[in-house]
N, C-alpha and C. Protein backbone atom coordinates (compact mmCIF):
# COMPACT_ATOMS: atom_id res chain seq x y z
N MET A 1 16.28 -34.38 67.16
CA MET A 1 14.82 -34.37 67.14
C MET A 1 14.34 -35.66 67.75
N THR A 2 13.68 -35.66 68.81
CA THR A 2 13.16 -36.85 69.34
C THR A 2 11.82 -37.38 68.83
N ILE A 3 11.57 -38.66 69.16
CA ILE A 3 10.33 -39.13 68.68
C ILE A 3 9.04 -38.45 69.02
N VAL A 4 9.04 -38.00 70.34
CA VAL A 4 7.98 -37.24 70.90
C VAL A 4 7.77 -35.90 70.09
N HIS A 5 8.89 -35.24 69.75
CA HIS A 5 8.93 -33.96 69.07
C HIS A 5 8.39 -34.16 67.59
N SER A 6 8.87 -35.34 67.04
CA SER A 6 8.34 -35.66 65.66
C SER A 6 6.89 -36.01 65.54
N ALA A 7 6.39 -36.72 66.67
CA ALA A 7 5.01 -37.09 66.75
C ALA A 7 4.20 -35.84 66.94
N SER A 8 4.67 -34.88 67.69
CA SER A 8 3.86 -33.74 68.02
C SER A 8 3.78 -32.82 66.76
N LEU A 9 4.76 -32.67 65.95
CA LEU A 9 4.70 -32.04 64.64
C LEU A 9 3.90 -32.72 63.65
N LEU A 10 3.93 -34.09 63.60
CA LEU A 10 3.06 -34.79 62.65
C LEU A 10 1.60 -34.59 63.04
N GLY A 11 1.37 -34.66 64.40
CA GLY A 11 0.00 -34.43 64.96
C GLY A 11 -0.54 -33.05 64.54
N ALA A 12 0.41 -32.02 64.74
CA ALA A 12 -0.03 -30.60 64.49
C ALA A 12 -0.20 -30.44 62.92
N PHE A 13 0.51 -31.21 62.13
CA PHE A 13 0.39 -31.03 60.68
C PHE A 13 -0.96 -31.62 60.27
N VAL A 14 -1.28 -32.92 60.79
CA VAL A 14 -2.55 -33.48 60.39
C VAL A 14 -3.74 -32.73 61.06
N LEU A 15 -3.62 -32.19 62.28
CA LEU A 15 -4.62 -31.25 62.73
C LEU A 15 -4.87 -30.07 61.81
N ASN A 16 -3.81 -29.45 61.37
CA ASN A 16 -4.03 -28.21 60.39
C ASN A 16 -4.56 -28.64 59.15
N ILE A 17 -4.20 -29.83 58.60
CA ILE A 17 -4.88 -30.31 57.32
C ILE A 17 -6.40 -30.46 57.53
N PHE A 18 -6.71 -31.17 58.72
CA PHE A 18 -8.11 -31.39 59.00
C PHE A 18 -8.86 -29.94 59.12
N VAL A 19 -8.33 -28.96 59.80
CA VAL A 19 -8.95 -27.79 60.00
C VAL A 19 -9.22 -27.09 58.63
N ALA A 20 -8.01 -27.04 57.74
CA ALA A 20 -8.04 -26.37 56.56
C ALA A 20 -9.08 -27.01 55.59
N ILE A 21 -9.33 -28.26 55.62
CA ILE A 21 -10.18 -28.85 54.67
C ILE A 21 -11.60 -29.01 55.32
N ILE A 22 -11.73 -29.77 56.40
CA ILE A 22 -13.01 -30.12 56.89
C ILE A 22 -13.55 -28.79 57.66
N GLY A 23 -12.71 -28.23 58.49
CA GLY A 23 -13.15 -27.09 59.29
C GLY A 23 -13.64 -25.93 58.37
N THR A 24 -12.98 -25.74 57.24
CA THR A 24 -13.34 -24.64 56.25
C THR A 24 -14.81 -25.09 55.75
N SER A 25 -14.92 -26.27 55.37
CA SER A 25 -16.29 -26.70 54.91
C SER A 25 -17.37 -26.48 56.01
N ALA A 26 -17.13 -27.00 57.24
CA ALA A 26 -18.08 -26.84 58.27
C ALA A 26 -18.54 -25.37 58.53
N VAL A 27 -17.38 -24.54 58.46
CA VAL A 27 -17.74 -23.06 58.73
C VAL A 27 -18.39 -22.38 57.68
N GLU A 28 -17.96 -22.66 56.57
CA GLU A 28 -18.58 -21.95 55.36
C GLU A 28 -19.90 -22.32 55.00
N GLY A 29 -20.35 -23.43 55.41
CA GLY A 29 -21.81 -23.89 55.04
C GLY A 29 -22.87 -22.89 55.55
N PRO A 30 -22.86 -22.49 56.76
CA PRO A 30 -23.82 -21.61 57.24
C PRO A 30 -23.73 -20.23 56.58
N VAL A 31 -22.41 -19.81 56.37
CA VAL A 31 -22.16 -18.45 55.73
C VAL A 31 -22.67 -18.47 54.30
N ARG A 32 -22.45 -19.57 53.60
CA ARG A 32 -22.83 -19.69 52.27
C ARG A 32 -24.50 -19.71 52.17
N SER A 33 -25.14 -20.38 53.15
CA SER A 33 -26.62 -20.17 53.01
C SER A 33 -27.11 -18.92 53.42
N LEU A 34 -26.49 -18.17 54.27
CA LEU A 34 -26.81 -16.75 54.62
C LEU A 34 -26.55 -15.94 53.40
N ALA A 35 -25.50 -16.13 52.70
CA ALA A 35 -25.25 -15.26 51.44
C ALA A 35 -26.25 -15.64 50.39
N SER A 36 -26.68 -16.96 50.27
CA SER A 36 -27.68 -17.27 49.25
C SER A 36 -29.01 -16.56 49.54
N SER A 37 -29.22 -16.37 50.79
CA SER A 37 -30.53 -15.75 51.09
C SER A 37 -30.47 -14.23 50.83
N LEU A 38 -29.34 -13.69 51.19
CA LEU A 38 -29.12 -12.36 50.97
C LEU A 38 -29.02 -11.86 49.45
N PHE A 39 -28.29 -12.69 48.78
CA PHE A 39 -27.83 -12.34 47.33
C PHE A 39 -28.32 -13.52 46.46
N PRO A 40 -29.60 -13.75 46.37
CA PRO A 40 -30.03 -14.97 45.55
C PRO A 40 -29.60 -14.99 43.96
N THR A 41 -29.10 -16.05 43.45
CA THR A 41 -28.74 -16.16 42.17
C THR A 41 -28.83 -17.51 41.75
N HIS A 42 -29.09 -17.75 40.46
CA HIS A 42 -29.21 -19.11 39.97
C HIS A 42 -28.11 -19.42 38.76
N ALA A 43 -27.35 -18.36 38.51
CA ALA A 43 -26.39 -18.63 37.57
C ALA A 43 -25.23 -19.47 38.15
N ARG A 44 -24.89 -20.65 37.39
CA ARG A 44 -23.82 -21.45 37.98
C ARG A 44 -22.51 -20.78 38.06
N GLY A 45 -22.23 -19.90 37.05
CA GLY A 45 -20.85 -19.22 37.15
C GLY A 45 -20.74 -18.32 38.32
N VAL A 46 -21.86 -17.64 38.71
CA VAL A 46 -21.74 -16.65 39.92
C VAL A 46 -21.67 -17.60 41.09
N LEU A 47 -22.47 -18.64 41.23
CA LEU A 47 -22.42 -19.48 42.42
C LEU A 47 -21.04 -20.07 42.59
N LEU A 48 -20.44 -20.55 41.52
CA LEU A 48 -19.03 -21.01 41.54
C LEU A 48 -18.04 -20.00 42.05
N LEU A 49 -18.19 -18.90 41.53
CA LEU A 49 -17.22 -17.84 41.98
C LEU A 49 -17.45 -17.32 43.38
N ARG A 50 -18.68 -17.29 43.79
CA ARG A 50 -18.98 -16.99 45.23
C ARG A 50 -18.50 -18.05 46.08
N ASP A 51 -18.67 -19.31 45.82
CA ASP A 51 -18.10 -20.42 46.54
C ASP A 51 -16.64 -20.41 46.72
N CYS A 52 -16.04 -20.06 45.61
CA CYS A 52 -14.48 -19.87 45.57
C CYS A 52 -14.01 -18.90 46.47
N ILE A 53 -14.70 -17.80 46.39
CA ILE A 53 -14.34 -16.67 47.42
C ILE A 53 -14.59 -17.01 48.81
N PHE A 54 -15.74 -17.63 49.08
CA PHE A 54 -15.93 -17.99 50.53
C PHE A 54 -15.00 -19.03 51.01
N THR A 55 -14.56 -20.01 50.29
CA THR A 55 -13.67 -21.06 50.56
C THR A 55 -12.31 -20.47 50.96
N VAL A 56 -11.93 -19.57 50.02
CA VAL A 56 -10.55 -18.98 50.25
C VAL A 56 -10.53 -18.16 51.60
N LEU A 57 -11.56 -17.21 51.74
CA LEU A 57 -11.78 -16.47 52.85
C LEU A 57 -11.80 -17.07 54.21
N THR A 58 -12.67 -18.27 54.09
CA THR A 58 -12.93 -18.91 55.33
C THR A 58 -11.61 -19.75 55.77
N ALA A 59 -10.88 -20.33 54.72
CA ALA A 59 -9.73 -21.00 55.11
C ALA A 59 -8.63 -20.04 55.68
N ALA A 60 -8.61 -18.84 55.18
CA ALA A 60 -7.64 -17.83 55.66
C ALA A 60 -8.09 -17.37 57.03
N LEU A 61 -9.38 -17.21 57.38
CA LEU A 61 -9.81 -16.81 58.57
C LEU A 61 -9.39 -18.00 59.64
N LEU A 62 -9.63 -19.17 59.38
CA LEU A 62 -9.42 -20.34 60.29
C LEU A 62 -7.93 -20.41 60.41
N SER A 63 -7.15 -20.18 59.46
CA SER A 63 -5.73 -20.30 59.69
C SER A 63 -5.18 -19.15 60.54
N TRP A 64 -5.68 -18.00 60.49
CA TRP A 64 -5.34 -16.86 61.16
C TRP A 64 -5.67 -17.11 62.64
N LEU A 65 -6.88 -17.65 62.88
CA LEU A 65 -7.34 -17.97 64.25
C LEU A 65 -6.37 -19.14 64.85
N MET A 66 -6.14 -20.16 64.13
CA MET A 66 -5.30 -21.21 64.66
C MET A 66 -3.80 -20.66 64.91
N GLN A 67 -3.30 -19.80 63.95
CA GLN A 67 -1.97 -19.21 64.20
C GLN A 67 -1.97 -18.37 65.41
N LYS A 68 -2.90 -17.53 65.63
CA LYS A 68 -3.00 -16.63 66.80
C LYS A 68 -3.00 -17.58 68.09
N GLN A 69 -3.67 -18.63 68.03
CA GLN A 69 -3.86 -19.44 69.32
C GLN A 69 -2.63 -20.29 69.49
N TRP A 70 -2.19 -21.09 68.49
CA TRP A 70 -0.99 -22.12 68.70
C TRP A 70 0.22 -21.85 67.97
N ARG A 71 0.28 -20.97 66.93
CA ARG A 71 1.52 -20.72 66.26
C ARG A 71 2.36 -21.91 65.92
N VAL A 72 1.79 -22.82 65.23
CA VAL A 72 2.47 -24.10 64.78
C VAL A 72 3.13 -23.93 63.39
N GLY A 73 4.34 -24.07 63.28
CA GLY A 73 4.96 -23.94 61.91
C GLY A 73 4.49 -24.94 60.92
N ALA A 74 3.87 -26.07 61.38
CA ALA A 74 3.50 -27.08 60.39
C ALA A 74 2.28 -26.62 59.52
N ALA A 75 1.61 -25.56 59.94
CA ALA A 75 0.41 -25.07 59.20
C ALA A 75 0.90 -24.36 57.93
N GLN A 76 2.17 -24.03 57.80
CA GLN A 76 2.70 -23.52 56.56
C GLN A 76 2.85 -24.43 55.43
N TRP A 77 2.88 -25.75 55.86
CA TRP A 77 3.00 -26.82 54.92
C TRP A 77 1.82 -27.63 54.52
N VAL A 78 0.78 -27.07 54.87
CA VAL A 78 -0.60 -27.72 54.50
C VAL A 78 -0.77 -27.81 53.01
N TRP A 79 -0.26 -26.78 52.28
CA TRP A 79 -0.39 -26.67 50.88
C TRP A 79 0.09 -27.78 50.14
N VAL A 80 1.21 -28.48 50.84
CA VAL A 80 1.87 -29.69 50.17
C VAL A 80 1.01 -30.81 50.10
N ALA A 81 0.38 -31.09 51.14
CA ALA A 81 -0.63 -32.30 51.18
C ALA A 81 -1.82 -32.01 50.24
N CYS A 82 -2.34 -30.85 50.29
CA CYS A 82 -3.43 -30.39 49.33
C CYS A 82 -2.90 -30.46 47.82
N THR A 83 -1.77 -30.10 47.58
CA THR A 83 -1.30 -30.15 46.22
C THR A 83 -1.17 -31.58 45.77
N LEU A 84 -0.65 -32.46 46.61
CA LEU A 84 -0.47 -33.94 46.20
C LEU A 84 -1.89 -34.41 46.05
N TRP A 85 -2.92 -34.02 46.74
CA TRP A 85 -4.29 -34.53 46.60
C TRP A 85 -4.84 -34.09 45.20
N PHE A 86 -4.55 -32.76 44.83
CA PHE A 86 -4.91 -32.17 43.57
C PHE A 86 -4.20 -33.04 42.39
N LEU A 87 -2.91 -33.16 42.48
CA LEU A 87 -2.22 -33.98 41.51
C LEU A 87 -2.68 -35.34 41.32
N TYR A 88 -3.17 -36.02 42.46
CA TYR A 88 -3.68 -37.32 42.33
C TYR A 88 -5.06 -37.26 41.50
N GLY A 89 -5.82 -36.14 41.68
CA GLY A 89 -6.99 -35.97 40.94
C GLY A 89 -6.80 -35.63 39.38
N VAL A 90 -5.76 -35.00 39.15
CA VAL A 90 -5.36 -34.72 37.67
C VAL A 90 -4.97 -36.09 36.97
N ILE A 91 -4.11 -36.80 37.81
CA ILE A 91 -3.66 -38.15 37.29
C ILE A 91 -4.79 -39.05 37.03
N HIS A 92 -5.82 -39.05 38.00
CA HIS A 92 -6.87 -39.95 37.94
C HIS A 92 -7.77 -39.46 36.67
N TYR A 93 -7.93 -38.23 36.44
CA TYR A 93 -8.67 -37.63 35.41
C TYR A 93 -8.07 -38.10 34.01
N MET A 94 -6.72 -37.97 34.03
CA MET A 94 -5.99 -38.26 32.81
C MET A 94 -6.19 -39.87 32.50
N ARG A 95 -6.23 -40.64 33.50
CA ARG A 95 -6.35 -42.06 33.26
C ARG A 95 -7.75 -42.48 32.89
N THR A 96 -8.78 -41.66 33.42
CA THR A 96 -10.14 -42.16 32.94
C THR A 96 -10.65 -41.67 31.51
N LEU A 97 -9.77 -40.88 30.88
CA LEU A 97 -10.19 -40.51 29.54
C LEU A 97 -9.98 -41.55 28.51
N ALA A 98 -10.94 -41.71 27.55
CA ALA A 98 -10.86 -42.74 26.63
C ALA A 98 -9.81 -42.48 25.44
N TYR A 99 -9.57 -41.17 25.33
CA TYR A 99 -8.81 -40.85 24.14
C TYR A 99 -7.25 -40.48 24.40
N GLY A 100 -6.85 -40.77 25.54
CA GLY A 100 -5.43 -40.60 25.97
C GLY A 100 -5.18 -39.44 26.74
N ILE A 101 -4.01 -38.87 26.59
CA ILE A 101 -3.59 -37.82 27.51
C ILE A 101 -4.26 -36.51 27.02
N PRO A 102 -4.86 -35.72 27.93
CA PRO A 102 -5.52 -34.57 27.49
C PRO A 102 -4.54 -33.43 27.49
N LEU A 103 -4.97 -32.45 26.70
CA LEU A 103 -4.05 -31.16 26.59
C LEU A 103 -4.21 -30.43 27.88
N ALA A 104 -3.27 -29.43 28.06
CA ALA A 104 -3.17 -28.66 29.28
C ALA A 104 -4.61 -27.82 29.47
N TYR A 105 -5.09 -27.41 28.36
CA TYR A 105 -6.30 -26.59 28.50
C TYR A 105 -7.52 -27.31 28.94
N GLU A 106 -7.45 -28.71 28.52
CA GLU A 106 -8.62 -29.62 28.86
C GLU A 106 -8.62 -29.80 30.40
N ILE A 107 -7.37 -29.92 30.93
CA ILE A 107 -7.14 -30.18 32.46
C ILE A 107 -7.55 -28.81 33.06
N TRP A 108 -7.17 -27.76 32.59
CA TRP A 108 -7.46 -26.30 33.19
C TRP A 108 -9.04 -26.24 33.15
N HIS A 109 -9.74 -26.53 32.04
CA HIS A 109 -11.23 -26.39 31.99
C HIS A 109 -11.94 -27.39 32.94
N HIS A 110 -11.37 -28.47 33.13
CA HIS A 110 -11.96 -29.46 34.10
C HIS A 110 -11.82 -29.14 35.50
N PHE A 111 -10.58 -28.66 35.90
CA PHE A 111 -10.35 -28.36 37.30
C PHE A 111 -10.50 -26.97 37.61
N SER A 112 -10.78 -26.07 36.78
CA SER A 112 -11.00 -24.69 36.99
C SER A 112 -12.43 -24.44 37.32
N GLY A 113 -13.34 -25.33 37.08
CA GLY A 113 -14.82 -25.11 37.18
C GLY A 113 -15.55 -24.66 35.98
N THR A 114 -14.74 -24.52 34.87
CA THR A 114 -15.37 -24.03 33.53
C THR A 114 -16.28 -25.18 33.00
N GLU A 115 -15.92 -26.43 33.14
CA GLU A 115 -16.66 -27.38 32.50
C GLU A 115 -17.88 -27.69 33.47
N CYS A 116 -17.71 -27.40 34.74
CA CYS A 116 -18.92 -27.52 35.77
C CYS A 116 -19.97 -26.47 35.37
N VAL A 117 -19.45 -25.34 35.00
CA VAL A 117 -20.46 -24.29 34.63
C VAL A 117 -21.06 -24.43 33.31
N VAL A 118 -20.28 -24.86 32.35
CA VAL A 118 -20.80 -25.03 30.94
C VAL A 118 -21.78 -26.29 30.85
N ASN A 119 -21.09 -27.46 31.45
CA ASN A 119 -21.82 -28.64 31.22
C ASN A 119 -22.80 -28.97 32.38
N GLY A 120 -22.46 -28.59 33.46
CA GLY A 120 -23.29 -28.92 34.64
C GLY A 120 -23.29 -30.34 35.01
N SER A 121 -22.45 -31.20 34.50
CA SER A 121 -22.37 -32.58 34.82
C SER A 121 -21.91 -32.89 36.23
N ARG A 122 -22.38 -33.78 36.88
CA ARG A 122 -21.93 -34.21 38.17
C ARG A 122 -20.44 -34.56 38.23
N TYR A 123 -20.01 -35.24 37.14
CA TYR A 123 -18.66 -35.68 37.17
C TYR A 123 -17.72 -34.47 37.15
N ASP A 124 -17.99 -33.44 36.29
CA ASP A 124 -17.28 -32.26 36.19
C ASP A 124 -17.12 -31.41 37.40
N CYS A 125 -18.39 -31.36 38.06
CA CYS A 125 -18.59 -30.54 39.28
C CYS A 125 -17.94 -31.16 40.54
N ASP A 126 -18.12 -32.49 40.57
CA ASP A 126 -17.45 -33.41 41.65
C ASP A 126 -15.92 -33.22 41.72
N ASP A 127 -15.32 -33.31 40.50
CA ASP A 127 -13.86 -33.19 40.48
C ASP A 127 -13.41 -31.78 40.99
N PHE A 128 -14.19 -30.77 40.51
CA PHE A 128 -13.82 -29.42 40.90
C PHE A 128 -13.90 -29.16 42.25
N PHE A 129 -15.00 -29.67 43.09
CA PHE A 129 -15.12 -29.54 44.38
C PHE A 129 -14.36 -30.30 45.26
N ILE A 130 -13.95 -31.44 44.88
CA ILE A 130 -13.24 -32.40 45.63
C ILE A 130 -11.70 -32.05 45.55
N PHE A 131 -11.22 -31.84 44.37
CA PHE A 131 -9.84 -31.62 44.22
C PHE A 131 -9.35 -30.15 44.18
N SER A 132 -10.08 -29.34 43.30
CA SER A 132 -9.72 -27.91 43.22
C SER A 132 -10.03 -27.18 44.60
N PHE A 133 -11.07 -27.34 45.17
CA PHE A 133 -11.42 -26.68 46.39
C PHE A 133 -10.50 -27.03 47.58
N THR A 134 -10.08 -28.35 47.48
CA THR A 134 -9.06 -28.79 48.58
C THR A 134 -7.82 -28.10 48.29
N LEU A 135 -7.32 -27.74 47.11
CA LEU A 135 -6.15 -27.06 46.73
C LEU A 135 -6.38 -25.69 47.21
N LEU A 136 -7.52 -24.98 46.82
CA LEU A 136 -7.67 -23.60 47.27
C LEU A 136 -7.64 -23.37 48.72
N ARG A 137 -8.27 -24.28 49.47
CA ARG A 137 -8.29 -24.21 50.89
C ARG A 137 -6.83 -24.32 51.49
N GLY A 138 -6.18 -25.27 51.01
CA GLY A 138 -4.77 -25.54 51.49
C GLY A 138 -3.85 -24.42 51.27
N VAL A 139 -3.96 -23.91 50.08
CA VAL A 139 -3.04 -22.78 49.76
C VAL A 139 -3.32 -21.50 50.46
N SER A 140 -4.67 -21.27 50.68
CA SER A 140 -5.06 -20.06 51.39
C SER A 140 -4.72 -20.24 52.83
N TYR A 141 -4.88 -21.44 53.40
CA TYR A 141 -4.65 -21.69 54.78
C TYR A 141 -3.11 -21.43 55.01
N SER A 142 -2.28 -22.07 54.17
CA SER A 142 -0.84 -22.04 54.32
C SER A 142 -0.28 -20.51 54.11
N LEU A 143 -0.73 -19.83 53.12
CA LEU A 143 -0.31 -18.44 52.77
C LEU A 143 -0.65 -17.61 54.09
N THR A 144 -1.87 -17.87 54.63
CA THR A 144 -2.13 -16.99 55.75
C THR A 144 -1.32 -17.35 56.94
N ALA A 145 -1.01 -18.66 57.19
CA ALA A 145 -0.12 -19.12 58.22
C ALA A 145 1.27 -18.46 58.04
N TRP A 146 1.72 -18.53 56.85
CA TRP A 146 3.06 -17.87 56.47
C TRP A 146 3.04 -16.42 56.95
N PHE A 147 2.00 -15.68 56.45
CA PHE A 147 1.95 -14.28 56.67
C PHE A 147 1.96 -13.97 58.27
N VAL A 148 1.17 -14.67 58.95
CA VAL A 148 1.07 -14.52 60.36
C VAL A 148 2.38 -14.73 61.04
N SER A 149 3.09 -15.86 60.64
CA SER A 149 4.34 -16.17 61.19
C SER A 149 5.42 -15.16 60.80
N SER A 150 5.35 -14.62 59.49
CA SER A 150 6.27 -13.73 59.17
C SER A 150 6.23 -12.27 59.78
N THR A 151 5.07 -12.07 60.25
CA THR A 151 4.88 -10.67 60.79
C THR A 151 5.17 -10.78 62.37
N GLN A 152 5.17 -12.00 63.02
CA GLN A 152 5.53 -12.16 64.38
C GLN A 152 6.53 -13.24 64.53
N PRO A 153 7.28 -13.40 65.44
CA PRO A 153 8.07 -14.52 65.61
C PRO A 153 7.28 -15.81 65.91
N LEU A 154 7.76 -16.88 65.42
CA LEU A 154 6.96 -18.10 65.57
C LEU A 154 7.40 -18.90 66.76
N GLU A 155 6.38 -19.20 67.50
CA GLU A 155 6.63 -19.88 68.80
C GLU A 155 5.80 -21.26 68.50
N ASP A 156 6.52 -22.35 68.51
CA ASP A 156 5.91 -23.67 68.43
C ASP A 156 5.34 -24.14 69.63
N LYS A 157 4.06 -23.81 69.97
CA LYS A 157 3.60 -24.06 71.26
C LYS A 157 3.35 -25.58 71.57
N VAL A 158 3.18 -26.35 70.48
CA VAL A 158 2.98 -27.76 70.63
C VAL A 158 4.26 -28.37 71.19
N CYS A 159 5.43 -27.91 70.74
CA CYS A 159 6.73 -28.51 71.16
C CYS A 159 7.43 -27.70 72.23
N GLY A 160 6.97 -26.46 72.29
CA GLY A 160 7.44 -25.51 73.37
C GLY A 160 8.81 -24.83 72.93
N GLN A 161 9.09 -24.78 71.65
CA GLN A 161 10.27 -24.02 71.13
C GLN A 161 9.94 -22.77 70.51
N HIS A 162 10.93 -21.84 70.73
CA HIS A 162 10.87 -20.45 70.11
C HIS A 162 11.78 -20.41 69.00
N ARG A 163 11.40 -19.95 67.80
CA ARG A 163 12.21 -19.80 66.55
C ARG A 163 12.00 -18.43 66.08
N GLN A 164 13.05 -17.95 65.52
CA GLN A 164 13.10 -16.57 64.80
C GLN A 164 12.85 -16.75 63.38
């Protein structure tokens, strides 16, 4: 593996992370406002569920479009970077608690959006949107890339190699 090949794979990986996280957010913004005008609701739980569904579907759509255009195998590994980011958020949450190590259900409530719906505090909602949404987007993006590449042979157009 040459340095040029490694650099192109790293660049493709970073580009796919950027599309999975930032691109999804940019695309789903207008869709979310259209859905808000068509289906108005003020219940936090419904808004949170709607946003989760939109973020997963948008990340999958962008992944499908990227895979149809470039077919880069690095897109299947975006979930790793997003999972590491999520784990960083969990560790940070555990370190900021005054009473020590939280139980598993406390971590689940904090990062699943339950505390955001119940309490509505900015801290609970920020962690959910910053860490959990990133994980949802990354997993959805990677699963779609894996599905597209498993249904058709993967050709890495960045490096010009054909793999089965």
